[in-house]
Amino acid sequence: MNKENSSTIWKLIQQTGENLKGRLPAHPNHPRGRNPYAHVALMVKNHFGMTYKDIPDDKINEIIKYLNHLRENPE
């Protein structure tokens, strides 16, 4: 992914994490609460099979759509 798109996606990941603060369901592996920023980055990595920086530029709209899905459906 080029630098401009990477920066845009990183900002959206941060905004999505901010939106999920306090909204993620409890998990036994995280007794003091879950980190929504790490959660979003991990979900993107698991969904696309690579880190957001390694995803091709032509998938930027798909990434944005997925981040919007995460905002509406905290997992």
C-alpha atoms as a PDB file:
ATOM      1  CA  MET A   1       0.000   0.000   0.000  1.00  0.00           C
ATOM      2  CA  ASN A   2       1.341   3.444  -0.816  1.00  0.00           C
ATOM      3  CA  LYS A   3       2.171   5.870   1.976  1.00  0.00           C
ATOM      4  CA  GLU A   4      -0.888   8.103   1.482  1.00  0.00           C
ATOM      5  CA  ASN A   5      -3.368   5.208   1.555  1.00  0.00           C
ATOM      6  CA  SER A   6      -1.533   3.624   4.475  1.00  0.00           C
ATOM      7  CA  SER A   7      -1.837   6.854   6.454  1.00  0.00           C
ATOM      8  CA  THR A   8      -5.538   7.131   5.618  1.00  0.00           C
ATOM      9  CA  ILE A   9      -6.239   3.558   6.701  1.00  0.00           C
ATOM     10  CA  TRP A  10      -4.230   3.973   9.919  1.00  0.00           C
ATOM     11  CA  LYS A  11      -6.323   7.021  10.842  1.00  0.00           C
ATOM     12  CA  LEU A  12      -9.509   5.048  10.159  1.00  0.00           C
ATOM     13  CA  ILE A  13      -8.223   2.166  12.309  1.00  0.00           C
ATOM     14  CA  GLN A  14      -7.596   4.625  15.146  1.00  0.00           C
ATOM     15  CA  GLN A  15     -11.063   6.170  14.734  1.00  0.00           C
ATOM     16  CA  THR A  16     -12.641   2.729  14.712  1.00  0.00           C
ATOM     17  CA  GLY A  17     -10.734   1.799  17.886  1.00  0.00           C
ATOM     18  CA  GLU A  18     -11.893   5.015  19.532  1.00  0.00           C
ATOM     19  CA  ASN A  19     -15.462   4.203  18.540  1.00  0.00           C
ATOM     20  CA  LEU A  20     -15.181   0.719  20.082  1.00  0.00           C
ATOM     21  CA  LYS A  21     -13.888   1.901  23.474  1.00  0.00           C
ATOM     22  CA  GLY A  22     -16.052   0.256  26.111  1.00  0.00           C
ATOM     23  CA  ARG A  23     -18.156  -1.547  23.491  1.00  0.00           C
ATOM     24  CA  LEU A  24     -16.180  -4.777  23.082  1.00  0.00           C
ATOM     25  CA  PRO A  25     -17.621  -7.785  24.904  1.00  0.00           C
ATOM     26  CA  ALA A  26     -15.740  -9.048  27.963  1.00  0.00           C
ATOM     27  CA  HIS A  27     -13.221 -11.806  27.381  1.00  0.00           C
ATOM     28  CA  PRO A  28     -11.573 -14.095  29.962  1.00  0.00           C
ATOM     29  CA  ASN A  29      -8.109 -13.456  28.484  1.00  0.00           C
ATOM     30  CA  HIS A  30      -8.506  -9.726  29.146  1.00  0.00           C
ATOM     31  CA  PRO A  31      -9.701  -9.333  32.748  1.00  0.00           C
ATOM     32  CA  ARG A  32      -8.850  -5.602  32.851  1.00  0.00           C
ATOM     33  CA  GLY A  33     -10.616  -4.852  29.591  1.00  0.00           C
ATOM     34  CA  ARG A  34      -9.816  -5.130  25.920  1.00  0.00           C
ATOM     35  CA  ASN A  35      -7.662  -2.790  23.854  1.00  0.00           C
ATOM     36  CA  PRO A  36      -9.952  -1.672  21.021  1.00  0.00           C
ATOM     37  CA  TYR A  37      -7.088  -0.342  18.872  1.00  0.00           C
ATOM     38  CA  ALA A  38      -5.202  -3.646  18.972  1.00  0.00           C
ATOM     39  CA  HIS A  39      -8.480  -5.463  18.385  1.00  0.00           C
ATOM     40  CA  VAL A  40      -9.202  -3.515  15.189  1.00  0.00           C
ATOM     41  CA  ALA A  41      -5.667  -3.995  13.839  1.00  0.00           C
ATOM     42  CA  LEU A  42      -5.836  -7.731  14.589  1.00  0.00           C
ATOM     43  CA  MET A  43      -9.278  -8.072  12.992  1.00  0.00           C
ATOM     44  CA  VAL A  44      -8.020  -6.374   9.807  1.00  0.00           C
ATOM     45  CA  LYS A  45      -4.978  -8.651   9.766  1.00  0.00           C
ATOM     46  CA  ASN A  46      -7.100 -11.779  10.284  1.00  0.00           C
ATOM     47  CA  HIS A  47      -9.728 -10.742   7.727  1.00  0.00           C
ATOM     48  CA  PHE A  48      -7.285  -9.845   4.943  1.00  0.00           C
ATOM     49  CA  GLY A  49      -4.500 -12.277   5.858  1.00  0.00           C
ATOM     50  CA  MET A  50      -1.894  -9.516   6.162  1.00  0.00           C
ATOM     51  CA  THR A  51      -1.245  -6.247   7.953  1.00  0.00           C
ATOM     52  CA  TYR A  52      -3.023  -3.157   6.633  1.00  0.00           C
ATOM     53  CA  LYS A  53       0.262  -1.855   5.167  1.00  0.00           C
ATOM     54  CA  ASP A  54       0.661  -5.005   3.067  1.00  0.00           C
ATOM     55  CA  ILE A  55      -2.834  -4.939   1.563  1.00  0.00           C
ATOM     56  CA  PRO A  56      -2.829  -3.784  -2.080  1.00  0.00           C
ATOM     57  CA  ASP A  57      -3.999  -0.244  -2.827  1.00  0.00           C
ATOM     58  CA  ASP A  58      -6.866  -1.497  -4.980  1.00  0.00           C
ATOM     59  CA  LYS A  59      -8.519  -2.967  -1.852  1.00  0.00           C
ATOM     60  CA  ILE A  60      -8.745   0.348   0.042  1.00  0.00           C
ATOM     61  CA  ASN A  61     -12.524   0.559  -0.404  1.00  0.00           C
ATOM     62  CA  GLU A  62     -12.893  -2.997   0.869  1.00  0.00           C
ATOM     63  CA  ILE A  63     -10.836  -2.109   3.972  1.00  0.00           C
ATOM     64  CA  ILE A  64     -12.968   0.984   4.622  1.00  0.00           C
ATOM     65  CA  LYS A  65     -16.136  -1.099   4.251  1.00  0.00           C
ATOM     66  CA  TYR A  66     -14.752  -3.675   6.715  1.00  0.00           C
ATOM     67  CA  LEU A  67     -13.813  -0.986   9.272  1.00  0.00           C
ATOM     68  CA  ASN A  68     -17.351   0.399   9.037  1.00  0.00           C
ATOM     69  CA  HIS A  69     -18.652  -3.112   9.627  1.00  0.00           C
ATOM     70  CA  LEU A  70     -16.487  -3.423  12.765  1.00  0.00           C
ATOM     71  CA  ARG A  71     -17.863  -0.136  14.095  1.00  0.00           C
ATOM     72  CA  GLU A  72     -21.407  -1.405  13.767  1.00  0.00           C
ATOM     73  CA  ASN A  73     -20.665  -4.974  14.908  1.00  0.00           C
ATOM     74  CA  PRO A  74     -18.122  -5.101  17.754  1.00  0.00           C
ATOM     75  CA  GLU A  75     -16.911  -8.669  18.042  1.00  0.00           C
END
